[in-house]
Amino acid sequence: MAKLRHIALAVPDPQAAAEFYSKVFDMEIIEPTHSPIAEGVYLSDGTVCLALLNYKTDEAAGLERGKNWVGTHHFGFWCDDLEEQRKRIEDSGGTFFMDLPHDKKSLYYEMKFRDLHGVVFDISEGGWVGAKK
């Protein structure tokens, strides 16, 4: 069964946002991220991974939002079987968006989809740094 374990916010200054959430909600700053699509910081409350991301391009952020958009960007479900979950998503009308990183053997590999209304979400077998299944 899939569990909600990841939330990503698009922010202009990930480090300042990390300091805010760490101070206000006692979240632990886990590590920075320097991916091909975004710079950011990962935090955790011990169960959920909060990613604070500054997207590098409009395409990476999603063309309807663009790289300067600020707010909730996507969320992620930790699942047991990516292919089974992908089939359930697509059979129900969801569409594949992208996968990250492109190396599927990476511990933090995730597949991104859009729901019926275009909302972006991830699925992952390996989860996210700081999250617990």
Protein backbone atom coordinates (compact mmCIF):
# COMPACT_ATOMS: atom_id res chain seq x y z
CA MET A 1 0.00 0.00 0.00
CA ALA A 2 1.34 3.44 -0.94
CA LYS A 3 1.98 6.01 1.81
CA LEU A 4 2.25 9.79 1.48
CA ARG A 5 5.86 10.54 2.50
CA HIS A 6 7.06 13.51 0.41
CA ILE A 7 5.98 17.11 -0.17
CA ALA A 8 7.86 19.56 -2.39
CA LEU A 9 7.56 23.33 -2.28
CA ALA A 10 8.93 25.62 -4.98
CA VAL A 11 10.70 28.51 -3.24
CA PRO A 12 13.10 31.24 -4.38
CA ASP A 13 15.56 30.71 -1.47
CA PRO A 14 15.66 27.07 -0.28
CA GLN A 15 18.20 27.73 2.49
CA ALA A 16 16.14 30.54 4.04
CA ALA A 17 12.99 28.41 3.78
CA ALA A 18 14.84 25.46 5.40
CA GLU A 19 15.91 27.63 8.32
CA PHE A 20 12.30 28.84 8.74
CA TYR A 21 10.73 25.33 8.75
CA SER A 22 13.52 23.96 10.93
CA LYS A 23 13.06 26.71 13.52
CA VAL A 24 9.26 26.90 13.46
CA PHE A 25 8.44 23.16 13.29
CA ASP A 26 11.62 21.57 14.72
CA MET A 27 12.28 19.84 11.40
CA GLU A 28 15.73 18.41 10.85
CA ILE A 29 17.71 19.77 7.90
CA ILE A 30 18.91 16.56 6.26
CA GLU A 31 20.95 17.63 3.24
CA PRO A 32 21.13 19.93 0.23
CA THR A 33 20.28 18.75 -3.27
CA HIS A 34 21.99 19.84 -6.46
CA SER A 35 20.08 18.06 -9.21
CA PRO A 36 20.00 18.83 -12.92
CA ILE A 37 16.54 20.38 -12.47
CA ALA A 38 16.70 22.20 -9.11
CA GLU A 39 18.80 23.39 -6.19
CA GLY A 40 17.29 22.77 -2.80
CA VAL A 41 17.28 21.48 0.75
CA TYR A 42 15.65 18.35 2.22
CA LEU A 43 14.13 18.40 5.70
CA SER A 44 12.32 15.76 7.74
CA ASP A 45 9.96 15.54 10.67
CA GLY A 46 11.06 11.94 11.14
CA THR A 47 8.40 10.50 8.83
CA VAL A 48 7.87 12.85 5.88
CA CYS A 49 10.48 14.40 3.58
CA LEU A 50 9.93 18.11 2.84
CA ALA A 51 11.84 19.24 -0.26
CA LEU A 52 12.38 22.98 -0.70
CA LEU A 53 13.31 23.49 -4.35
CA ASN A 54 14.37 26.34 -6.61
CA TYR A 55 13.78 25.07 -10.15
CA LYS A 56 16.35 25.93 -12.82
CA THR A 57 14.10 25.96 -15.89
CA ASP A 58 10.45 26.44 -16.77
CA GLU A 59 10.37 22.93 -18.24
CA ALA A 60 11.65 21.34 -15.02
CA ALA A 61 9.09 23.24 -12.93
CA GLY A 62 6.30 22.48 -15.37
CA LEU A 63 5.56 24.91 -18.16
CA GLU A 64 2.19 25.93 -16.68
CA ARG A 65 4.01 27.21 -13.57
CA GLY A 66 7.48 28.19 -14.67
CA LYS A 67 10.67 28.36 -12.63
CA ASN A 68 9.64 31.52 -10.75
CA TRP A 69 6.39 30.08 -9.41
CA VAL A 70 6.24 29.72 -5.59
CA GLY A 71 4.04 27.25 -3.71
CA THR A 72 3.23 23.58 -3.31
CA HIS A 73 4.73 21.87 -6.34
CA HIS A 74 4.11 18.15 -5.90
CA PHE A 75 3.83 15.35 -3.37
CA GLY A 76 5.01 11.76 -3.33
CA PHE A 77 3.83 8.28 -2.40
CA TRP A 78 6.20 5.55 -1.23
CA CYS A 79 4.95 2.34 -2.82
CA ASP A 80 5.92 -1.33 -2.88
CA ASP A 81 5.93 -1.95 -6.64
CA LEU A 82 6.51 0.87 -9.16
CA GLU A 83 5.19 -0.99 -12.17
CA GLU A 84 2.04 -2.15 -10.40
CA GLN A 85 1.43 1.39 -9.10
CA ARG A 86 2.13 2.88 -12.55
CA LYS A 87 -0.46 0.57 -14.10
CA ARG A 88 -3.05 1.56 -11.48
CA ILE A 89 -2.33 5.25 -12.11
CA GLU A 90 -2.54 4.99 -15.90
CA ASP A 91 -5.59 2.70 -15.83
CA SER A 92 -7.33 5.39 -13.79
CA GLY A 93 -6.47 8.20 -16.22
CA GLY A 94 -3.18 9.49 -14.77
CA THR A 95 -0.34 10.28 -17.18
CA PHE A 96 3.43 9.86 -16.91
CA PHE A 97 5.34 13.17 -16.64
CA MET A 98 9.05 12.33 -16.05
CA ASP A 99 11.39 10.25 -13.96
CA LEU A 100 14.27 11.39 -11.74
CA PRO A 101 17.05 10.71 -11.62
CA HIS A 102 17.24 9.03 -14.97
CA ASP A 103 19.26 6.18 -13.40
CA LYS A 104 16.52 3.81 -12.24
CA LYS A 105 18.96 2.03 -9.92
CA SER A 106 19.40 5.18 -7.81
CA LEU A 107 18.19 4.85 -4.21
CA TYR A 108 15.95 7.89 -4.65
CA TYR A 109 14.56 7.09 -8.11
CA GLU A 110 11.02 8.38 -8.57
CA MET A 111 8.46 8.53 -11.36
CA LYS A 112 6.42 11.71 -11.76
CA PHE A 113 2.82 11.65 -12.97
CA ARG A 114 -0.07 14.03 -13.46
CA ASP A 115 -3.53 13.23 -12.13
CA LEU A 116 -6.79 13.88 -14.00
CA HIS A 117 -6.50 17.62 -13.30
CA GLY A 118 -2.80 18.00 -14.05
CA VAL A 119 -1.60 17.88 -10.42
CA VAL A 120 1.96 16.49 -10.26
CA PHE A 121 2.82 13.64 -7.89
CA ASP A 122 5.66 11.12 -7.50
CA ILE A 123 5.87 7.43 -6.76
CA SER A 124 9.01 5.78 -5.40
CA GLU A 125 10.09 2.36 -4.14
CA GLY A 126 13.15 3.80 -2.38
CA GLY A 127 11.46 6.77 -0.75
CA TRP A 128 13.06 10.12 0.01
CA VAL A 129 15.88 11.18 2.28
CA GLY A 130 14.58 11.68 5.81
CA ALA A 131 11.29 9.84 5.20
CA LYS A 132 10.20 6.57 6.84
CA LYS A 133 8.06 4.04 5.05
